[in-house]
Amino acid sequence: MDALGKPLRWKLTVGEVAGIKQANTLIDGLSPKADIGDKGYDADALVARIQAMGAQAVILPRGNCTE
């Protein structure tokens, strides 16, 4: 999202496809300061990629998260 909360990119998928499957496509080529997502995007690999880009991952933890 930009500074006004408007999405920079979006991708329409069928209802049965988890949004996280498109996460890498959506962040390719961006240089964000932070990446915000709901608990559906709480995955170690995605968080690591966001951090490797120099950004902060602001993602709600899943209910089964132990950390």
PDB file of N, CA and C in Angstrom:
ATOM      1  N   MET A   1       0.828  -1.173   0.000  1.00  0.00           N
ATOM      2  CA  MET A   1       0.000   0.000   0.000  1.00  0.00           C
ATOM      3  C   MET A   1       0.877   1.242   0.000  1.00  0.00           C
ATOM      4  N   ASP A   2       0.350   2.269  -0.598  1.00  0.00           N
ATOM      5  CA  ASP A   2       1.090   3.519  -0.589  1.00  0.00           C
ATOM      6  C   ASP A   2       0.841   4.264   0.724  1.00  0.00           C
ATOM      7  N   ALA A   3       1.332   5.466   0.830  1.00  0.00           N
ATOM      8  CA  ALA A   3       1.200   6.243   2.059  1.00  0.00           C
ATOM      9  C   ALA A   3      -0.249   6.573   2.398  1.00  0.00           C
ATOM     10  N   LEU A   4      -1.128   6.490   1.429  1.00  0.00           N
ATOM     11  CA  LEU A   4      -2.546   6.765   1.663  1.00  0.00           C
ATOM     12  C   LEU A   4      -3.363   5.493   1.881  1.00  0.00           C
ATOM     13  N   GLY A   5      -2.693   4.345   1.946  1.00  0.00           N
ATOM     14  CA  GLY A   5      -3.389   3.084   2.177  1.00  0.00           C
ATOM     15  C   GLY A   5      -3.973   2.444   0.934  1.00  0.00           C
ATOM     16  N   LYS A   6      -3.609   2.950  -0.234  1.00  0.00           N
ATOM     17  CA  LYS A   6      -4.107   2.380  -1.485  1.00  0.00           C
ATOM     18  C   LYS A   6      -3.160   1.281  -1.951  1.00  0.00           C
ATOM     19  N   PRO A   7      -3.694   0.167  -2.448  1.00  0.00           N
ATOM     20  CA  PRO A   7      -2.827  -0.923  -2.897  1.00  0.00           C
ATOM     21  C   PRO A   7      -1.945  -0.507  -4.074  1.00  0.00           C
ATOM     22  N   LEU A   8      -0.706  -0.983  -4.068  1.00  0.00           N
ATOM     23  CA  LEU A   8       0.202  -0.736  -5.190  1.00  0.00           C
ATOM     24  C   LEU A   8      -0.051  -1.748  -6.300  1.00  0.00           C
ATOM     25  N   ARG A   9      -0.361  -2.971  -5.911  1.00  0.00           N
ATOM     26  CA  ARG A   9      -0.652  -4.045  -6.872  1.00  0.00           C
ATOM     27  C   ARG A   9      -1.729  -4.941  -6.288  1.00  0.00           C
ATOM     28  N   TRP A  10      -2.441  -5.616  -7.166  1.00  0.00           N
ATOM     29  CA  TRP A  10      -3.366  -6.636  -6.717  1.00  0.00           C
ATOM     30  C   TRP A  10      -3.482  -7.665  -7.823  1.00  0.00           C
ATOM     31  N   LYS A  11      -3.854  -8.856  -7.437  1.00  0.00           N
ATOM     32  CA  LYS A  11      -4.002  -9.934  -8.404  1.00  0.00           C
ATOM     33  C   LYS A  11      -5.235 -10.742  -8.026  1.00  0.00           C
ATOM     34  N   LEU A  12      -6.143 -10.868  -8.948  1.00  0.00           N
ATOM     35  CA  LEU A  12      -7.367 -11.614  -8.727  1.00  0.00           C
ATOM     36  C   LEU A  12      -7.105 -13.099  -8.923  1.00  0.00           C
ATOM     37  N   THR A  13      -7.499 -13.906  -7.952  1.00  0.00           N
ATOM     38  CA  THR A  13      -7.358 -15.360  -8.049  1.00  0.00           C
ATOM     39  C   THR A  13      -8.712 -16.005  -7.773  1.00  0.00           C
ATOM     40  N   VAL A  14      -8.824 -17.280  -8.092  1.00  0.00           N
ATOM     41  CA  VAL A  14     -10.055 -18.000  -7.768  1.00  0.00           C
ATOM     42  C   VAL A  14     -10.154 -18.154  -6.265  1.00  0.00           C
ATOM     43  N   GLY A  15     -11.338 -18.326  -5.761  1.00  0.00           N
ATOM     44  CA  GLY A  15     -11.578 -18.357  -4.327  1.00  0.00           C
ATOM     45  C   GLY A  15     -10.847 -19.446  -3.571  1.00  0.00           C
ATOM     46  N   GLU A  16     -10.528 -20.542  -4.223  1.00  0.00           N
ATOM     47  CA  GLU A  16      -9.884 -21.655  -3.528  1.00  0.00           C
ATOM     48  C   GLU A  16      -8.370 -21.503  -3.431  1.00  0.00           C
ATOM     49  N   VAL A  17      -7.802 -20.504  -4.074  1.00  0.00           N
ATOM     50  CA  VAL A  17      -6.353 -20.312  -4.085  1.00  0.00           C
ATOM     51  C   VAL A  17      -5.962 -19.367  -2.956  1.00  0.00           C
ATOM     52  N   ALA A  18      -5.033 -19.815  -2.123  1.00  0.00           N
ATOM     53  CA  ALA A  18      -4.567 -18.978  -1.021  1.00  0.00           C
ATOM     54  C   ALA A  18      -3.792 -17.785  -1.576  1.00  0.00           C
ATOM     55  N   GLY A  19      -4.015 -16.624  -1.013  1.00  0.00           N
ATOM     56  CA  GLY A  19      -3.358 -15.411  -1.465  1.00  0.00           C
ATOM     57  C   GLY A  19      -1.850 -15.472  -1.368  1.00  0.00           C
ATOM     58  N   ILE A  20      -1.336 -16.211  -0.400  1.00  0.00           N
ATOM     59  CA  ILE A  20       0.116 -16.280  -0.210  1.00  0.00           C
ATOM     60  C   ILE A  20       0.822 -16.874  -1.429  1.00  0.00           C
ATOM     61  N   LYS A  21       0.121 -17.640  -2.226  1.00  0.00           N
ATOM     62  CA  LYS A  21       0.733 -18.215  -3.427  1.00  0.00           C
ATOM     63  C   LYS A  21       1.123 -17.134  -4.429  1.00  0.00           C
ATOM     64  N   GLN A  22       0.528 -15.966  -4.328  1.00  0.00           N
ATOM     65  CA  GLN A  22       0.845 -14.856  -5.226  1.00  0.00           C
ATOM     66  C   GLN A  22       1.739 -13.810  -4.569  1.00  0.00           C
ATOM     67  N   ALA A  23       2.121 -14.014  -3.309  1.00  0.00           N
ATOM     68  CA  ALA A  23       2.869 -13.005  -2.561  1.00  0.00           C
ATOM     69  C   ALA A  23       4.186 -12.631  -3.234  1.00  0.00           C
ATOM     70  N   ASN A  24       4.959 -13.612  -3.670  1.00  0.00           N
ATOM     71  CA  ASN A  24       6.248 -13.308  -4.306  1.00  0.00           C
ATOM     72  C   ASN A  24       6.067 -12.503  -5.580  1.00  0.00           C
ATOM     73  N   THR A  25       5.045 -12.822  -6.358  1.00  0.00           N
ATOM     74  CA  THR A  25       4.759 -12.078  -7.582  1.00  0.00           C
ATOM     75  C   THR A  25       4.403 -10.632  -7.255  1.00  0.00           C
ATOM     76  N   LEU A  26       3.656 -10.436  -6.182  1.00  0.00           N
ATOM     77  CA  LEU A  26       3.204  -9.095  -5.829  1.00  0.00           C
ATOM     78  C   LEU A  26       4.328  -8.211  -5.295  1.00  0.00           C
ATOM     79  N   ILE A  27       5.338  -8.790  -4.661  1.00  0.00           N
ATOM     80  CA  ILE A  27       6.408  -7.952  -4.097  1.00  0.00           C
ATOM     81  C   ILE A  27       7.635  -7.862  -4.997  1.00  0.00           C
ATOM     82  N   ASP A  28       7.678  -8.631  -6.075  1.00  0.00           N
ATOM     83  CA  ASP A  28       8.810  -8.549  -7.006  1.00  0.00           C
ATOM     84  C   ASP A  28       8.993  -7.127  -7.517  1.00  0.00           C
ATOM     85  N   GLY A  29      10.212  -6.643  -7.447  1.00  0.00           N
ATOM     86  CA  GLY A  29      10.541  -5.338  -7.996  1.00  0.00           C
ATOM     87  C   GLY A  29      10.212  -4.147  -7.110  1.00  0.00           C
ATOM     88  N   LEU A  30       9.622  -4.391  -5.943  1.00  0.00           N
ATOM     89  CA  LEU A  30       9.310  -3.291  -5.038  1.00  0.00           C
ATOM     90  C   LEU A  30      10.466  -3.046  -4.081  1.00  0.00           C
ATOM     91  N   SER A  31      10.533  -1.868  -3.531  1.00  0.00           N
ATOM     92  CA  SER A  31      11.521  -1.516  -2.499  1.00  0.00           C
ATOM     93  C   SER A  31      10.799  -0.881  -1.318  1.00  0.00           C
ATOM     94  N   PRO A  32       9.983  -1.670  -0.623  1.00  0.00           N
ATOM     95  CA  PRO A  32       9.183  -1.093   0.453  1.00  0.00           C
ATOM     96  C   PRO A  32       9.983  -0.898   1.739  1.00  0.00           C
ATOM     97  N   LYS A  33       9.473  -0.055   2.610  1.00  0.00           N
ATOM     98  CA  LYS A  33      10.024   0.075   3.955  1.00  0.00           C
ATOM     99  C   LYS A  33       9.366  -0.949   4.863  1.00  0.00           C
ATOM    100  N   ALA A  34       8.120  -1.294   4.539  1.00  0.00           N
ATOM    101  CA  ALA A  34       7.376  -2.289   5.305  1.00  0.00           C
ATOM    102  C   ALA A  34       6.415  -2.996   4.362  1.00  0.00           C
ATOM    103  N   ASP A  35       6.096  -4.231   4.704  1.00  0.00           N
ATOM    104  CA  ASP A  35       5.120  -5.005   3.946  1.00  0.00           C
ATOM    105  C   ASP A  35       4.082  -5.475   4.949  1.00  0.00           C
ATOM    106  N   ILE A  36       2.833  -5.104   4.726  1.00  0.00           N
ATOM    107  CA  ILE A  36       1.757  -5.384   5.671  1.00  0.00           C
ATOM    108  C   ILE A  36       0.870  -6.484   5.110  1.00  0.00           C
ATOM    109  N   GLY A  37       0.540  -7.461   5.954  1.00  0.00           N
ATOM    110  CA  GLY A  37      -0.330  -8.537   5.514  1.00  0.00           C
ATOM    111  C   GLY A  37      -1.116  -9.131   6.663  1.00  0.00           C
ATOM    112  N   ASP A  38      -2.201  -9.801   6.342  1.00  0.00           N
ATOM    113  CA  ASP A  38      -2.962 -10.461   7.392  1.00  0.00           C
ATOM    114  C   ASP A  38      -2.343 -11.821   7.699  1.00  0.00           C
ATOM    115  N   LYS A  39      -2.959 -12.565   8.617  1.00  0.00           N
ATOM    116  CA  LYS A  39      -2.347 -13.808   9.077  1.00  0.00           C
ATOM    117  C   LYS A  39      -2.231 -14.880   7.997  1.00  0.00           C
ATOM    118  N   GLY A  40      -2.913 -14.722   6.899  1.00  0.00           N
ATOM    119  CA  GLY A  40      -2.774 -15.648   5.788  1.00  0.00           C
ATOM    120  C   GLY A  40      -1.399 -15.572   5.123  1.00  0.00           C
ATOM    121  N   TYR A  41      -0.651 -14.512   5.417  1.00  0.00           N
ATOM    122  CA  TYR A  41       0.685 -14.328   4.852  1.00  0.00           C
ATOM    123  C   TYR A  41       1.788 -14.611   5.868  1.00  0.00           C
ATOM    124  N   ASP A  42       1.435 -15.186   7.001  1.00  0.00           N
ATOM    125  CA  ASP A  42       2.408 -15.500   8.051  1.00  0.00           C
ATOM    126  C   ASP A  42       3.136 -16.798   7.690  1.00  0.00           C
ATOM    127  N   ALA A  43       4.243 -16.666   6.966  1.00  0.00           N
ATOM    128  CA  ALA A  43       5.071 -17.806   6.569  1.00  0.00           C
ATOM    129  C   ALA A  43       6.529 -17.393   6.703  1.00  0.00           C
ATOM    130  N   ASP A  44       7.333 -18.253   7.292  1.00  0.00           N
ATOM    131  CA  ASP A  44       8.739 -17.936   7.539  1.00  0.00           C
ATOM    132  C   ASP A  44       9.477 -17.529   6.259  1.00  0.00           C
ATOM    133  N   ALA A  45       9.231 -18.243   5.167  1.00  0.00           N
ATOM    134  CA  ALA A  45       9.936 -17.946   3.912  1.00  0.00           C
ATOM    135  C   ALA A  45       9.572 -16.563   3.391  1.00  0.00           C
ATOM    136  N   LEU A  46       8.312 -16.183   3.472  1.00  0.00           N
ATOM    137  CA  LEU A  46       7.895 -14.872   2.992  1.00  0.00           C
ATOM    138  C   LEU A  46       8.461 -13.770   3.886  1.00  0.00           C
ATOM    139  N   VAL A  47       8.400 -13.958   5.189  1.00  0.00           N
ATOM    140  CA  VAL A  47       8.955 -12.965   6.122  1.00  0.00           C
ATOM    141  C   VAL A  47      10.451 -12.802   5.873  1.00  0.00           C
ATOM    142  N   ALA A  48      11.163 -13.903   5.665  1.00  0.00           N
ATOM    143  CA  ALA A  48      12.605 -13.838   5.394  1.00  0.00           C
ATOM    144  C   ALA A  48      12.873 -13.074   4.101  1.00  0.00           C
ATOM    145  N   ARG A  49      12.058 -13.284   3.079  1.00  0.00           N
ATOM    146  CA  ARG A  49      12.259 -12.570   1.804  1.00  0.00           C
ATOM    147  C   ARG A  49      12.016 -11.077   1.968  1.00  0.00           C
ATOM    148  N   ILE A  50      10.994 -10.729   2.718  1.00  0.00           N
ATOM    149  CA  ILE A  50      10.694  -9.316   2.955  1.00  0.00           C
ATOM    150  C   ILE A  50      11.849  -8.664   3.704  1.00  0.00           C
ATOM    151  N   GLN A  51      12.363  -9.340   4.716  1.00  0.00           N
ATOM    152  CA  GLN A  51      13.486  -8.804   5.489  1.00  0.00           C
ATOM    153  C   GLN A  51      14.746  -8.709   4.642  1.00  0.00           C
ATOM    154  N   ALA A  52      14.950  -9.658   3.743  1.00  0.00           N
ATOM    155  CA  ALA A  52      16.109  -9.617   2.844  1.00  0.00           C
ATOM    156  C   ALA A  52      16.035  -8.423   1.887  1.00  0.00           C
ATOM    157  N   MET A  53      14.830  -7.946   1.630  1.00  0.00           N
ATOM    158  CA  MET A  53      14.636  -6.769   0.788  1.00  0.00           C
ATOM    159  C   MET A  53      14.919  -5.485   1.571  1.00  0.00           C
ATOM    160  N   GLY A  54      15.191  -5.619   2.873  1.00  0.00           N
ATOM    161  CA  GLY A  54      15.449  -4.452   3.713  1.00  0.00           C
ATOM    162  C   GLY A  54      14.190  -3.833   4.282  1.00  0.00           C
ATOM    163  N   ALA A  55      13.098  -4.574   4.259  1.00  0.00           N
ATOM    164  CA  ALA A  55      11.821  -4.067   4.750  1.00  0.00           C
ATOM    165  C   ALA A  55      11.413  -4.791   6.024  1.00  0.00           C
ATOM    166  N   GLN A  56      10.468  -4.197   6.729  1.00  0.00           N
ATOM    167  CA  GLN A  56       9.924  -4.816   7.925  1.00  0.00           C
ATOM    168  C   GLN A  56       8.647  -5.550   7.541  1.00  0.00           C
ATOM    169  N   ALA A  57       8.514  -6.791   7.976  1.00  0.00           N
ATOM    170  CA  ALA A  57       7.293  -7.560   7.741  1.00  0.00           C
ATOM    171  C   ALA A  57       6.326  -7.281   8.883  1.00  0.00           C
ATOM    172  N   VAL A  58       5.182  -6.686   8.561  1.00  0.00           N
ATOM    173  CA  VAL A  58       4.144  -6.408   9.553  1.00  0.00           C
ATOM    174  C   VAL A  58       2.980  -7.324   9.216  1.00  0.00           C
ATOM    175  N   ILE A  59       3.025  -8.535   9.785  1.00  0.00           N
ATOM    176  CA  ILE A  59       2.054  -9.578   9.457  1.00  0.00           C
ATOM    177  C   ILE A  59       1.512 -10.151  10.750  1.00  0.00           C
ATOM    178  N   LEU A  60       0.192 -10.201  10.852  1.00  0.00           N
ATOM    179  CA  LEU A  60      -0.426 -10.782  12.042  1.00  0.00           C
ATOM    180  C   LEU A  60      -0.047 -12.250  12.152  1.00  0.00           C
ATOM    181  N   PRO A  61       0.264 -12.739  13.364  1.00  0.00           N
ATOM    182  CA  PRO A  61       0.590 -14.160  13.518  1.00  0.00           C
ATOM    183  C   PRO A  61      -0.658 -15.033  13.401  1.00  0.00           C
ATOM    184  N   ARG A  62      -0.452 -16.236  12.873  1.00  0.00           N
ATOM    185  CA  ARG A  62      -1.548 -17.206  12.812  1.00  0.00           C
ATOM    186  C   ARG A  62      -1.912 -17.632  14.220  1.00  0.00           C
ATOM    187  N   GLY A  63      -3.083 -18.154  14.395  1.00  0.00           N
ATOM    188  CA  GLY A  63      -3.564 -18.580  15.711  1.00  0.00           C
ATOM    189  C   GLY A  63      -2.746 -19.705  16.319  1.00  0.00           C
ATOM    190  N   ASN A  64      -2.095 -20.510  15.479  1.00  0.00           N
ATOM    191  CA  ASN A  64      -1.309 -21.633  15.981  1.00  0.00           C
ATOM    192  C   ASN A  64       0.173 -21.280  16.151  1.00  0.00           C
ATOM    193  N   CYS A  65       0.508 -20.009  16.028  1.00  0.00           N
ATOM    194  CA  CYS A  65       1.894 -19.571  16.138  1.00  0.00           C
ATOM    195  C   CYS A  65       2.351 -19.652  17.591  1.00  0.00           C
ATOM    196  N   THR A  66       3.545 -20.208  17.816  1.00  0.00           N
ATOM    197  CA  THR A  66       4.056 -20.361  19.183  1.00  0.00           C
ATOM    198  C   THR A  66       5.059 -19.295  19.548  1.00  0.00           C
ATOM    199  N   GLU A  67       5.486 -18.445  18.626  1.00  0.00           N
ATOM    200  CA  GLU A  67       6.467 -17.397  18.927  1.00  0.00           C
ATOM    201  C   GLU A  67       5.807 -16.098  19.261  1.00  0.00           C
TER     202      GLU A  67
END
